[in-house]
């Protein structure tokens, strides 16, 4: 079992920044995928950013709507994944979820953290 705990959400004005953190209860060194998803009211959950490990290489993917504004990173030493969000827009308002696919094929979700972008 892996617990994922998100933090860093909150209320921010348009154009502002937030950094989300996802702390895991197990070493993420060998995890295949670490990702952030979001779900806005009345909408389906969507992929925001993903890091996929293949051998010694990490591949990063972003949703078109956040490219150039968001950055995902993983800190293997601290078992944490981050999502740096810059130039935030009202349409970024959503609950953000951390997700992982472990090297054993297990799929886990965090409980989510609310991000609200409003003036």
N, C-alpha and C. Protein backbone atom coordinates (compact mmCIF):
# COMPACT_ATOMS: atom_id res chain seq x y z
N UNK A 1 0.83 -1.19 0.00
CA UNK A 1 0.00 0.00 0.00
C UNK A 1 0.87 1.25 0.00
N UNK A 2 0.48 2.24 -0.77
CA UNK A 2 1.19 3.51 -0.82
C UNK A 2 0.21 4.63 -0.52
N UNK A 3 0.56 5.47 0.43
CA UNK A 3 -0.26 6.65 0.71
C UNK A 3 0.35 7.86 0.00
N UNK A 4 -0.50 8.64 -0.63
CA UNK A 4 -0.10 9.87 -1.29
C UNK A 4 -0.81 11.02 -0.60
N UNK A 5 -0.06 12.02 -0.18
CA UNK A 5 -0.65 13.15 0.53
C UNK A 5 -0.27 14.43 -0.19
N UNK A 6 -1.28 15.10 -0.76
CA UNK A 6 -1.05 16.35 -1.45
C UNK A 6 -1.13 17.52 -0.49
N UNK A 7 -0.41 18.58 -0.82
CA UNK A 7 -0.48 19.82 -0.06
C UNK A 7 -0.09 20.97 -0.98
N UNK A 8 -0.36 22.19 -0.51
CA UNK A 8 0.07 23.36 -1.26
C UNK A 8 -1.03 24.08 -2.02
N UNK A 9 -2.23 23.52 -2.00
CA UNK A 9 -3.33 24.18 -2.67
C UNK A 9 -3.79 25.41 -1.90
N UNK A 10 -4.69 26.18 -2.53
CA UNK A 10 -5.21 27.36 -1.87
C UNK A 10 -5.84 28.32 -2.85
N UNK A 11 -6.06 29.53 -2.38
CA UNK A 11 -6.65 30.59 -3.19
C UNK A 11 -5.54 31.51 -3.68
N UNK A 12 -5.53 31.78 -4.97
CA UNK A 12 -4.50 32.65 -5.56
C UNK A 12 -5.15 33.51 -6.62
N UNK A 13 -4.62 34.69 -6.81
CA UNK A 13 -5.14 35.58 -7.83
C UNK A 13 -4.64 35.17 -9.22
N UNK A 14 -5.38 35.53 -10.24
CA UNK A 14 -4.90 35.24 -11.61
C UNK A 14 -3.51 35.83 -11.84
N UNK A 15 -2.67 35.03 -12.48
CA UNK A 15 -1.29 35.44 -12.70
C UNK A 15 -0.35 34.99 -11.59
N UNK A 16 -0.90 34.48 -10.51
CA UNK A 16 -0.08 34.06 -9.39
C UNK A 16 0.48 32.66 -9.57
N UNK A 17 1.19 32.20 -8.52
CA UNK A 17 1.85 30.91 -8.55
C UNK A 17 1.53 30.10 -7.31
N UNK A 18 1.57 28.79 -7.48
CA UNK A 18 1.46 27.86 -6.37
C UNK A 18 2.37 26.68 -6.66
N UNK A 19 2.84 26.03 -5.60
CA UNK A 19 3.58 24.79 -5.77
C UNK A 19 2.89 23.69 -4.97
N UNK A 20 2.43 22.69 -5.67
CA UNK A 20 1.81 21.54 -5.02
C UNK A 20 2.87 20.49 -4.72
N UNK A 21 2.68 19.81 -3.61
CA UNK A 21 3.57 18.72 -3.22
C UNK A 21 2.76 17.44 -3.04
N UNK A 22 3.38 16.34 -3.36
CA UNK A 22 2.77 15.02 -3.14
C UNK A 22 3.79 14.16 -2.43
N UNK A 23 3.57 13.95 -1.16
CA UNK A 23 4.47 13.13 -0.36
C UNK A 23 3.98 11.69 -0.36
N UNK A 24 4.90 10.76 -0.57
CA UNK A 24 4.51 9.35 -0.63
C UNK A 24 5.07 8.60 0.57
N UNK A 25 4.43 7.47 0.88
CA UNK A 25 4.82 6.69 2.05
C UNK A 25 5.85 5.63 1.71
N UNK A 26 6.26 5.57 0.46
CA UNK A 26 7.24 4.59 0.03
C UNK A 26 8.19 5.25 -0.95
N UNK A 27 9.38 4.67 -1.10
CA UNK A 27 10.35 5.22 -2.03
C UNK A 27 9.78 5.26 -3.44
N UNK A 28 9.95 6.39 -4.09
CA UNK A 28 9.43 6.54 -5.45
C UNK A 28 10.50 6.28 -6.50
N UNK A 29 11.69 5.89 -6.05
CA UNK A 29 12.82 5.77 -6.97
C UNK A 29 12.47 4.90 -8.17
N UNK A 30 11.78 3.78 -7.93
CA UNK A 30 11.51 2.85 -9.02
C UNK A 30 10.08 2.95 -9.57
N UNK A 31 9.31 3.91 -9.07
CA UNK A 31 7.94 4.05 -9.57
C UNK A 31 7.95 4.39 -11.04
N UNK A 32 7.07 3.76 -11.81
CA UNK A 32 7.05 3.96 -13.25
C UNK A 32 6.50 5.33 -13.64
N UNK A 33 5.42 5.73 -12.99
CA UNK A 33 4.74 6.97 -13.36
C UNK A 33 4.38 7.75 -12.11
N UNK A 34 4.67 9.05 -12.15
CA UNK A 34 4.15 9.98 -11.15
C UNK A 34 3.42 11.05 -11.93
N UNK A 35 2.21 11.38 -11.50
CA UNK A 35 1.40 12.29 -12.30
C UNK A 35 0.52 13.17 -11.43
N UNK A 36 0.11 14.26 -12.03
CA UNK A 36 -0.90 15.14 -11.44
C UNK A 36 -2.10 15.20 -12.38
N UNK A 37 -3.28 15.03 -11.80
CA UNK A 37 -4.53 15.18 -12.51
C UNK A 37 -5.32 16.30 -11.82
N UNK A 38 -6.35 16.76 -12.50
CA UNK A 38 -7.25 17.74 -11.88
C UNK A 38 -8.68 17.49 -12.33
N UNK A 39 -9.60 17.93 -11.48
CA UNK A 39 -11.01 17.78 -11.80
C UNK A 39 -11.75 19.04 -11.37
N UNK A 40 -12.31 19.72 -12.34
CA UNK A 40 -13.11 20.91 -12.06
C UNK A 40 -14.57 20.50 -11.88
N UNK A 41 -15.36 21.32 -11.21
CA UNK A 41 -16.78 20.97 -11.00
C UNK A 41 -17.50 20.72 -12.32
N UNK A 42 -18.19 19.59 -12.38
CA UNK A 42 -18.96 19.26 -13.58
C UNK A 42 -18.15 18.74 -14.74
N UNK A 43 -16.85 18.55 -14.53
CA UNK A 43 -15.99 18.08 -15.61
C UNK A 43 -15.31 16.78 -15.22
N UNK A 44 -14.80 16.07 -16.23
CA UNK A 44 -14.09 14.83 -15.97
C UNK A 44 -12.67 15.13 -15.47
N UNK A 45 -12.12 14.16 -14.76
CA UNK A 45 -10.74 14.29 -14.32
C UNK A 45 -9.83 14.23 -15.53
N UNK A 46 -8.83 15.14 -15.55
CA UNK A 46 -7.94 15.20 -16.70
C UNK A 46 -6.49 15.20 -16.25
N UNK A 47 -5.63 14.66 -17.11
CA UNK A 47 -4.20 14.64 -16.85
C UNK A 47 -3.63 16.04 -17.01
N UNK A 48 -2.84 16.46 -16.04
CA UNK A 48 -2.17 17.76 -16.10
C UNK A 48 -0.70 17.59 -16.50
N UNK A 49 -0.01 16.71 -15.79
CA UNK A 49 1.41 16.50 -16.04
C UNK A 49 1.80 15.11 -15.56
N UNK A 50 2.82 14.55 -16.22
CA UNK A 50 3.21 13.17 -15.90
C UNK A 50 4.69 12.99 -16.14
N UNK A 51 5.32 12.28 -15.22
CA UNK A 51 6.70 11.85 -15.41
C UNK A 51 6.70 10.34 -15.52
N UNK A 52 7.24 9.82 -16.61
CA UNK A 52 7.31 8.38 -16.83
C UNK A 52 8.77 7.97 -16.83
N UNK A 53 9.08 7.00 -15.98
CA UNK A 53 10.46 6.52 -15.89
C UNK A 53 10.65 5.33 -16.80
N UNK A 54 11.68 5.41 -17.64
CA UNK A 54 12.04 4.30 -18.51
C UNK A 54 13.54 4.13 -18.41
N UNK A 55 13.94 3.09 -17.69
CA UNK A 55 15.36 2.93 -17.44
C UNK A 55 15.88 4.07 -16.60
N UNK A 56 16.89 4.75 -17.11
CA UNK A 56 17.45 5.89 -16.39
C UNK A 56 16.92 7.21 -16.91
N UNK A 57 15.95 7.15 -17.80
CA UNK A 57 15.42 8.36 -18.43
C UNK A 57 14.01 8.66 -17.92
N UNK A 58 13.75 9.92 -17.66
CA UNK A 58 12.41 10.37 -17.29
C UNK A 58 11.80 11.13 -18.45
N UNK A 59 10.60 10.76 -18.84
CA UNK A 59 9.88 11.44 -19.90
C UNK A 59 8.75 12.25 -19.26
N UNK A 60 8.62 13.49 -19.70
CA UNK A 60 7.64 14.40 -19.11
C UNK A 60 6.60 14.78 -20.17
N UNK A 61 5.34 14.74 -19.75
CA UNK A 61 4.24 15.14 -20.63
C UNK A 61 3.35 16.14 -19.90
N UNK A 62 2.82 17.09 -20.66
CA UNK A 62 1.92 18.10 -20.11
C UNK A 62 0.67 18.21 -20.96
N UNK A 63 -0.43 18.55 -20.31
CA UNK A 63 -1.62 18.91 -21.06
C UNK A 63 -1.33 20.20 -21.83
N UNK A 64 -1.90 20.32 -23.02
CA UNK A 64 -1.66 21.51 -23.83
C UNK A 64 -2.02 22.79 -23.08
N UNK A 65 -3.03 22.72 -22.25
CA UNK A 65 -3.52 23.90 -21.56
C UNK A 65 -2.56 24.44 -20.51
N UNK A 66 -1.56 23.63 -20.10
CA UNK A 66 -0.65 24.08 -19.05
C UNK A 66 0.80 24.16 -19.52
N UNK A 67 1.08 23.77 -20.75
CA UNK A 67 2.44 23.82 -21.27
C UNK A 67 3.01 25.23 -21.18
N UNK A 68 4.24 25.30 -20.69
CA UNK A 68 4.89 26.60 -20.54
C UNK A 68 4.57 27.31 -19.24
N UNK A 69 3.57 26.81 -18.51
CA UNK A 69 3.19 27.44 -17.24
C UNK A 69 3.43 26.53 -16.04
N UNK A 70 3.24 25.24 -16.22
CA UNK A 70 3.39 24.28 -15.13
C UNK A 70 4.66 23.45 -15.33
N UNK A 71 5.21 22.98 -14.24
CA UNK A 71 6.38 22.10 -14.30
C UNK A 71 6.27 21.03 -13.23
N UNK A 72 6.42 19.78 -13.64
CA UNK A 72 6.39 18.65 -12.71
C UNK A 72 7.82 18.21 -12.45
N UNK A 73 8.09 17.82 -11.22
CA UNK A 73 9.41 17.32 -10.87
C UNK A 73 9.28 16.28 -9.78
N UNK A 74 10.28 15.41 -9.70
CA UNK A 74 10.28 14.39 -8.66
C UNK A 74 11.57 14.48 -7.87
N UNK A 75 11.44 14.33 -6.57
CA UNK A 75 12.57 14.34 -5.65
C UNK A 75 12.64 12.96 -5.04
N UNK A 76 13.46 12.10 -5.62
CA UNK A 76 13.53 10.72 -5.14
C UNK A 76 14.05 10.63 -3.71
N UNK A 77 14.94 11.53 -3.35
CA UNK A 77 15.53 11.48 -2.00
C UNK A 77 14.48 11.73 -0.92
N UNK A 78 13.50 12.57 -1.24
CA UNK A 78 12.46 12.91 -0.26
C UNK A 78 11.11 12.28 -0.59
N UNK A 79 11.08 11.39 -1.59
CA UNK A 79 9.86 10.68 -1.95
C UNK A 79 8.70 11.64 -2.20
N UNK A 80 8.98 12.68 -2.93
CA UNK A 80 7.99 13.74 -3.16
C UNK A 80 7.97 14.13 -4.63
N UNK A 81 6.77 14.42 -5.10
CA UNK A 81 6.59 14.94 -6.45
C UNK A 81 5.97 16.33 -6.33
N UNK A 82 6.44 17.23 -7.18
CA UNK A 82 5.98 18.60 -7.12
C UNK A 82 5.29 19.01 -8.42
N UNK A 83 4.42 19.99 -8.30
CA UNK A 83 3.85 20.62 -9.48
C UNK A 83 3.95 22.13 -9.25
N UNK A 84 4.87 22.76 -9.95
CA UNK A 84 5.00 24.21 -9.90
C UNK A 84 4.04 24.81 -10.92
N UNK A 85 3.17 25.68 -10.45
CA UNK A 85 2.15 26.26 -11.31
C UNK A 85 2.34 27.77 -11.34
N UNK A 86 2.62 28.30 -12.50
CA UNK A 86 2.83 29.73 -12.69
C UNK A 86 1.78 30.30 -13.63
N UNK A 87 1.65 31.60 -13.62
CA UNK A 87 0.70 32.30 -14.51
C UNK A 87 -0.68 31.65 -14.44
N UNK A 88 -1.15 31.44 -13.23
CA UNK A 88 -2.41 30.73 -13.04
C UNK A 88 -3.59 31.51 -13.61
N UNK A 89 -4.55 30.76 -14.13
CA UNK A 89 -5.75 31.33 -14.73
C UNK A 89 -6.98 30.80 -13.99
N UNK A 90 -8.10 31.53 -14.06
CA UNK A 90 -9.31 31.02 -13.41
C UNK A 90 -9.69 29.62 -13.87
N UNK A 91 -9.41 29.29 -15.12
CA UNK A 91 -9.76 27.96 -15.62
C UNK A 91 -8.87 26.86 -15.06
N UNK A 92 -7.85 27.22 -14.30
CA UNK A 92 -7.03 26.22 -13.61
C UNK A 92 -7.67 25.79 -12.28
N UNK A 93 -8.75 26.45 -11.91
CA UNK A 93 -9.44 26.10 -10.67
C UNK A 93 -9.95 24.67 -10.73
N UNK A 94 -9.58 23.87 -9.74
CA UNK A 94 -9.95 22.46 -9.72
C UNK A 94 -9.39 21.82 -8.46
N UNK A 95 -9.80 20.60 -8.23
CA UNK A 95 -9.13 19.76 -7.23
C UNK A 95 -8.02 19.02 -7.95
N UNK A 96 -6.82 19.12 -7.41
CA UNK A 96 -5.65 18.50 -8.03
C UNK A 96 -5.30 17.22 -7.26
N UNK A 97 -5.10 16.15 -8.03
CA UNK A 97 -4.83 14.85 -7.45
C UNK A 97 -3.47 14.33 -7.89
N UNK A 98 -2.77 13.72 -6.95
CA UNK A 98 -1.52 13.04 -7.24
C UNK A 98 -1.84 11.58 -7.56
N UNK A 99 -1.10 11.02 -8.51
CA UNK A 99 -1.33 9.64 -8.93
C UNK A 99 0.00 8.96 -9.19
N UNK A 100 0.07 7.67 -8.88
CA UNK A 100 1.27 6.93 -9.19
C UNK A 100 0.96 5.54 -9.71
N UNK A 101 1.81 5.07 -10.59
CA UNK A 101 1.83 3.68 -11.01
C UNK A 101 3.18 3.14 -10.59
N UNK A 102 3.15 2.21 -9.64
CA UNK A 102 4.42 1.72 -9.10
C UNK A 102 5.07 0.71 -10.03
N UNK A 103 6.29 0.32 -9.67
CA UNK A 103 7.00 -0.68 -10.44
C UNK A 103 6.33 -2.05 -10.35
N UNK A 104 5.43 -2.21 -9.38
CA UNK A 104 4.69 -3.46 -9.23
C UNK A 104 3.33 -3.41 -9.92
N UNK A 105 3.06 -2.33 -10.62
CA UNK A 105 1.80 -2.20 -11.34
C UNK A 105 0.64 -1.72 -10.49
N UNK A 106 0.93 -1.22 -9.30
CA UNK A 106 -0.12 -0.72 -8.41
C UNK A 106 -0.44 0.73 -8.78
N UNK A 107 -1.71 1.06 -8.71
CA UNK A 107 -2.18 2.40 -9.05
C UNK A 107 -2.78 3.05 -7.80
N UNK A 108 -2.25 4.22 -7.41
CA UNK A 108 -2.72 4.89 -6.21
C UNK A 108 -3.06 6.35 -6.49
N UNK A 109 -4.02 6.85 -5.70
CA UNK A 109 -4.43 8.25 -5.79
C UNK A 109 -4.34 8.91 -4.42
N UNK A 110 -4.05 10.20 -4.44
CA UNK A 110 -4.14 10.99 -3.23
C UNK A 110 -5.56 11.47 -3.01
N UNK A 111 -5.76 12.22 -1.93
CA UNK A 111 -7.11 12.66 -1.58
C UNK A 111 -7.48 13.97 -2.29
N UNK A 112 -6.50 14.64 -2.86
CA UNK A 112 -6.75 15.86 -3.61
C UNK A 112 -6.52 17.12 -2.79
N UNK A 113 -6.17 18.19 -3.49
CA UNK A 113 -6.01 19.49 -2.86
C UNK A 113 -6.66 20.54 -3.77
N UNK A 114 -7.42 21.44 -3.15
CA UNK A 114 -8.18 22.42 -3.91
C UNK A 114 -7.30 23.59 -4.32
N UNK A 115 -7.38 23.94 -5.59
CA UNK A 115 -6.74 25.15 -6.12
C UNK A 115 -7.82 26.05 -6.68
N UNK A 116 -7.88 27.26 -6.17
CA UNK A 116 -8.86 28.23 -6.64
C UNK A 116 -8.15 29.48 -7.13
N UNK A 117 -8.40 29.84 -8.38
CA UNK A 117 -7.78 31.01 -8.97
C UNK A 117 -8.87 32.05 -9.19
N UNK A 118 -8.82 33.09 -8.40
CA UNK A 118 -9.89 34.10 -8.45
C UNK A 118 -9.39 35.41 -7.90
N UNK A 119 -9.94 36.49 -8.44
CA UNK A 119 -9.60 37.81 -7.91
C UNK A 119 -10.64 38.24 -6.88
